[in-house]
Amino acid sequence: MPTGTVKFFNAEKGFGFINVDGGGQDVFVHFSNIVGSGYRSLTDGQKVEFEVGPGRKGPEALNVHGL
């Protein structure tokens, strides 16, 4: 499963981008794809693990959880 670092996450709008470890294109992340209960958010600079799938405008992070 790929890992990366949260480039930024806007909690008010519920989305952000992840820098993929090893380089490559940043991956979009939506709050609905963050694993957990209650308020789901990410912190800038946080290390995460995720899957990559097709999104509406390119690759999207799925099943995202913090490391």
N, C-alpha and C. Protein backbone atom coordinates (compact mmCIF):
# COMPACT_ATOMS: atom_id res chain seq x y z
N MET A 1 0.85 -1.17 0.00
CA MET A 1 0.00 0.00 0.00
C MET A 1 0.89 1.24 0.00
N PRO A 2 0.61 2.22 -0.85
CA PRO A 2 1.44 3.42 -0.91
C PRO A 2 1.37 4.23 0.39
N THR A 3 2.43 4.98 0.64
CA THR A 3 2.48 5.90 1.77
C THR A 3 2.82 7.28 1.25
N GLY A 4 2.57 8.29 2.07
CA GLY A 4 2.88 9.65 1.67
C GLY A 4 2.72 10.60 2.84
N THR A 5 2.85 11.89 2.53
CA THR A 5 2.74 12.95 3.52
C THR A 5 1.67 13.92 3.06
N VAL A 6 0.81 14.33 3.99
CA VAL A 6 -0.25 15.28 3.66
C VAL A 6 0.39 16.62 3.31
N LYS A 7 0.18 17.06 2.07
CA LYS A 7 0.72 18.34 1.60
C LYS A 7 -0.09 19.46 2.23
N PHE A 8 -1.40 19.37 2.13
CA PHE A 8 -2.30 20.27 2.85
C PHE A 8 -3.67 19.61 2.91
N PHE A 9 -4.44 19.98 3.92
CA PHE A 9 -5.81 19.48 4.05
C PHE A 9 -6.66 20.61 4.61
N ASN A 10 -7.70 20.99 3.87
CA ASN A 10 -8.62 22.03 4.29
C ASN A 10 -9.80 21.36 4.98
N ALA A 11 -9.81 21.38 6.31
CA ALA A 11 -10.85 20.70 7.07
C ALA A 11 -12.23 21.31 6.84
N GLU A 12 -12.30 22.62 6.59
CA GLU A 12 -13.59 23.27 6.35
C GLU A 12 -14.22 22.78 5.05
N LYS A 13 -13.40 22.57 4.03
CA LYS A 13 -13.91 22.11 2.73
C LYS A 13 -13.85 20.60 2.59
N GLY A 14 -13.06 19.93 3.45
CA GLY A 14 -13.04 18.47 3.47
C GLY A 14 -12.19 17.81 2.40
N PHE A 15 -11.15 18.50 1.93
CA PHE A 15 -10.28 17.88 0.94
C PHE A 15 -8.86 18.42 1.05
N GLY A 16 -7.95 17.74 0.37
CA GLY A 16 -6.56 18.16 0.33
C GLY A 16 -5.77 17.30 -0.63
N PHE A 17 -4.44 17.31 -0.48
CA PHE A 17 -3.57 16.55 -1.36
C PHE A 17 -2.48 15.87 -0.55
N ILE A 18 -2.04 14.71 -1.05
CA ILE A 18 -0.99 13.92 -0.43
C ILE A 18 0.20 13.86 -1.38
N ASN A 19 1.42 14.13 -0.87
CA ASN A 19 2.66 13.91 -1.61
C ASN A 19 3.00 12.43 -1.47
N VAL A 20 3.06 11.73 -2.58
CA VAL A 20 3.35 10.30 -2.56
C VAL A 20 4.84 10.07 -2.30
N ASP A 21 5.16 9.19 -1.34
CA ASP A 21 6.56 8.84 -1.09
C ASP A 21 7.17 8.24 -2.35
N GLY A 22 8.38 8.64 -2.69
CA GLY A 22 9.04 8.14 -3.89
C GLY A 22 8.78 8.99 -5.11
N GLY A 23 8.02 10.07 -4.95
CA GLY A 23 7.77 10.98 -6.07
C GLY A 23 6.50 10.66 -6.81
N GLY A 24 6.29 11.37 -7.87
CA GLY A 24 5.08 11.19 -8.66
C GLY A 24 4.09 12.30 -8.39
N GLN A 25 2.94 12.19 -9.03
CA GLN A 25 1.89 13.19 -8.95
C GLN A 25 1.24 13.19 -7.56
N ASP A 26 0.96 14.40 -7.03
CA ASP A 26 0.20 14.50 -5.78
C ASP A 26 -1.16 13.85 -5.99
N VAL A 27 -1.71 13.29 -4.91
CA VAL A 27 -2.98 12.58 -4.99
C VAL A 27 -4.03 13.34 -4.18
N PHE A 28 -5.18 13.55 -4.79
CA PHE A 28 -6.31 14.21 -4.13
C PHE A 28 -6.86 13.32 -3.03
N VAL A 29 -7.28 13.91 -1.92
CA VAL A 29 -7.93 13.14 -0.85
C VAL A 29 -9.18 13.90 -0.38
N HIS A 30 -10.29 13.17 -0.27
CA HIS A 30 -11.55 13.71 0.23
C HIS A 30 -11.81 13.12 1.60
N PHE A 31 -12.43 13.90 2.49
CA PHE A 31 -12.64 13.43 3.87
C PHE A 31 -13.41 12.12 3.93
N SER A 32 -14.27 11.85 2.95
CA SER A 32 -15.07 10.63 2.95
C SER A 32 -14.21 9.38 2.75
N ASN A 33 -12.97 9.55 2.30
CA ASN A 33 -12.06 8.42 2.09
C ASN A 33 -11.08 8.22 3.24
N ILE A 34 -11.25 8.98 4.33
CA ILE A 34 -10.41 8.81 5.51
C ILE A 34 -11.06 7.77 6.41
N VAL A 35 -10.30 6.75 6.78
CA VAL A 35 -10.81 5.68 7.64
C VAL A 35 -10.90 6.19 9.07
N GLY A 36 -12.05 5.97 9.70
CA GLY A 36 -12.25 6.37 11.09
C GLY A 36 -13.69 6.73 11.33
N SER A 37 -14.00 6.97 12.58
CA SER A 37 -15.36 7.36 12.93
C SER A 37 -15.34 8.79 13.45
N GLY A 38 -16.50 9.40 13.46
CA GLY A 38 -16.59 10.79 13.93
C GLY A 38 -16.00 11.75 12.92
N TYR A 39 -15.40 12.82 13.42
CA TYR A 39 -14.83 13.86 12.57
C TYR A 39 -13.56 13.35 11.92
N ARG A 40 -13.58 13.27 10.59
CA ARG A 40 -12.43 12.74 9.85
C ARG A 40 -11.66 13.88 9.20
N SER A 41 -10.41 14.04 9.59
CA SER A 41 -9.56 15.10 9.07
C SER A 41 -8.11 14.64 9.07
N LEU A 42 -7.28 15.38 8.37
CA LEU A 42 -5.84 15.11 8.33
C LEU A 42 -5.10 16.39 8.70
N THR A 43 -3.87 16.24 9.13
CA THR A 43 -3.03 17.36 9.52
C THR A 43 -1.91 17.54 8.50
N ASP A 44 -1.64 18.78 8.12
CA ASP A 44 -0.53 19.04 7.20
C ASP A 44 0.74 18.42 7.75
N GLY A 45 1.47 17.67 6.90
CA GLY A 45 2.71 17.02 7.31
C GLY A 45 2.52 15.63 7.89
N GLN A 46 1.28 15.20 8.07
CA GLN A 46 0.99 13.88 8.64
C GLN A 46 1.36 12.77 7.66
N LYS A 47 1.98 11.70 8.17
CA LYS A 47 2.28 10.52 7.35
C LYS A 47 1.03 9.66 7.27
N VAL A 48 0.72 9.19 6.06
CA VAL A 48 -0.48 8.39 5.84
C VAL A 48 -0.19 7.20 4.93
N GLU A 49 -1.08 6.22 5.00
CA GLU A 49 -1.07 5.06 4.11
C GLU A 49 -2.41 5.06 3.40
N PHE A 50 -2.43 4.66 2.14
CA PHE A 50 -3.66 4.77 1.36
C PHE A 50 -3.60 3.87 0.13
N GLU A 51 -4.74 3.73 -0.52
CA GLU A 51 -4.82 3.08 -1.82
C GLU A 51 -5.10 4.18 -2.84
N VAL A 52 -4.80 3.93 -4.09
CA VAL A 52 -5.06 4.91 -5.14
C VAL A 52 -6.08 4.34 -6.10
N GLY A 53 -7.10 5.15 -6.41
CA GLY A 53 -8.12 4.75 -7.36
C GLY A 53 -8.46 5.93 -8.25
N PRO A 54 -9.29 5.69 -9.25
CA PRO A 54 -9.67 6.77 -10.15
C PRO A 54 -10.63 7.74 -9.47
N GLY A 55 -10.38 9.02 -9.68
CA GLY A 55 -11.27 10.06 -9.19
C GLY A 55 -11.87 10.81 -10.36
N ARG A 56 -12.67 11.82 -10.08
CA ARG A 56 -13.29 12.58 -11.17
C ARG A 56 -12.28 13.37 -11.98
N LYS A 57 -11.18 13.81 -11.35
CA LYS A 57 -10.20 14.64 -12.05
C LYS A 57 -8.80 14.06 -12.00
N GLY A 58 -8.69 12.75 -11.81
CA GLY A 58 -7.38 12.12 -11.73
C GLY A 58 -7.33 11.16 -10.57
N PRO A 59 -6.12 10.73 -10.19
CA PRO A 59 -5.99 9.76 -9.10
C PRO A 59 -6.50 10.33 -7.78
N GLU A 60 -7.12 9.46 -6.98
CA GLU A 60 -7.68 9.86 -5.69
C GLU A 60 -7.27 8.85 -4.63
N ALA A 61 -6.94 9.35 -3.44
CA ALA A 61 -6.56 8.48 -2.32
C ALA A 61 -7.82 7.87 -1.70
N LEU A 62 -7.77 6.55 -1.48
CA LEU A 62 -8.88 5.81 -0.88
C LEU A 62 -8.38 5.10 0.38
N ASN A 63 -9.29 4.81 1.30
CA ASN A 63 -8.95 4.07 2.53
C ASN A 63 -7.72 4.66 3.22
N VAL A 64 -7.75 5.96 3.43
CA VAL A 64 -6.61 6.69 4.00
C VAL A 64 -6.59 6.54 5.52
N HIS A 65 -5.44 6.17 6.08
CA HIS A 65 -5.28 6.17 7.53
C HIS A 65 -3.87 6.62 7.90
N GLY A 66 -3.81 7.29 9.05
CA GLY A 66 -2.55 7.82 9.54
C GLY A 66 -1.60 6.74 10.00
N LEU A 67 -0.31 7.04 9.95
CA LEU A 67 0.72 6.11 10.43
C LEU A 67 1.30 6.60 11.74
